[in-house]
Amino acid sequence: MGVNKNTIVTILAIIGGIVVLGWVLRLTFALLGPIIVIGLGVVIYLALTGNKRIGGPK
């Protein structure tokens, strides 16, 4: 019975790991788009307004 319990625990652990990895990948891909868009927006905003701040005293 001990071997069976260990086998079941191992299988459940593997399935659990796959499920967790699947959710992490889904969340990553779901958030990747908005993160890229926000990142580009911030970069463009800094490019447009950052020059004035950096070169202001000149």
Protein backbone atom coordinates (compact mmCIF):
# COMPACT_ATOMS: atom_id res chain seq x y z
CA MET A 1 0.00 0.00 0.00
CA GLY A 2 2.93 2.36 0.74
CA VAL A 3 4.13 2.15 -2.86
CA ASN A 4 0.64 2.90 -4.14
CA LYS A 5 0.33 5.95 -1.87
CA ASN A 6 3.69 7.27 -3.02
CA THR A 7 2.75 6.72 -6.65
CA ILE A 8 -0.59 8.50 -6.20
CA VAL A 9 1.08 11.41 -4.38
CA THR A 10 3.70 11.68 -7.12
CA ILE A 11 1.06 11.65 -9.88
CA LEU A 12 -1.03 14.28 -8.04
CA ALA A 13 2.06 16.43 -7.53
CA ILE A 14 2.93 16.23 -11.25
CA ILE A 15 -0.67 17.05 -12.27
CA GLY A 16 -0.76 19.92 -9.77
CA GLY A 17 2.52 21.28 -11.12
CA ILE A 18 1.26 21.11 -14.71
CA VAL A 19 -1.99 22.87 -13.73
CA VAL A 20 -0.08 25.62 -11.88
CA LEU A 21 2.31 26.07 -14.81
CA GLY A 22 -0.67 26.27 -17.16
CA TRP A 23 -2.32 29.00 -15.09
CA VAL A 24 0.98 30.92 -14.80
CA LEU A 25 1.47 30.78 -18.57
CA ARG A 26 -2.14 31.86 -19.17
CA LEU A 27 -1.80 34.80 -16.78
CA THR A 28 1.57 35.76 -18.29
CA PHE A 29 0.21 35.78 -21.84
CA ALA A 30 -2.99 37.54 -20.72
CA LEU A 31 -1.00 40.30 -18.99
CA LEU A 32 1.80 40.47 -21.56
CA GLY A 33 -0.21 42.51 -24.07
CA PRO A 34 -1.31 45.26 -21.65
CA ILE A 35 2.19 45.38 -20.09
CA ILE A 36 3.78 45.90 -23.52
CA VAL A 37 1.23 48.59 -24.43
CA ILE A 38 1.72 50.39 -21.09
CA GLY A 39 5.51 50.07 -21.43
CA LEU A 40 5.46 51.58 -24.93
CA GLY A 41 3.17 54.38 -23.70
CA VAL A 42 5.55 55.20 -20.84
CA VAL A 43 8.57 55.14 -23.17
CA ILE A 44 6.85 57.46 -25.67
CA TYR A 45 5.68 59.77 -22.87
CA LEU A 46 9.20 59.98 -21.42
CA ALA A 47 10.65 60.54 -24.90
CA LEU A 48 8.25 63.46 -25.50
CA THR A 49 8.36 65.06 -22.04
CA GLY A 50 11.75 63.85 -20.79
CA ASN A 51 13.67 66.04 -23.27
CA LYS A 52 12.13 69.20 -21.81
CA ARG A 53 12.94 68.14 -18.25
CA ILE A 54 16.51 67.08 -19.06
CA GLY A 55 17.26 70.02 -21.39
CA GLY A 56 15.21 72.56 -19.42
CA PRO A 57 18.05 74.52 -17.77
CA LYS A 58 19.91 74.74 -21.08
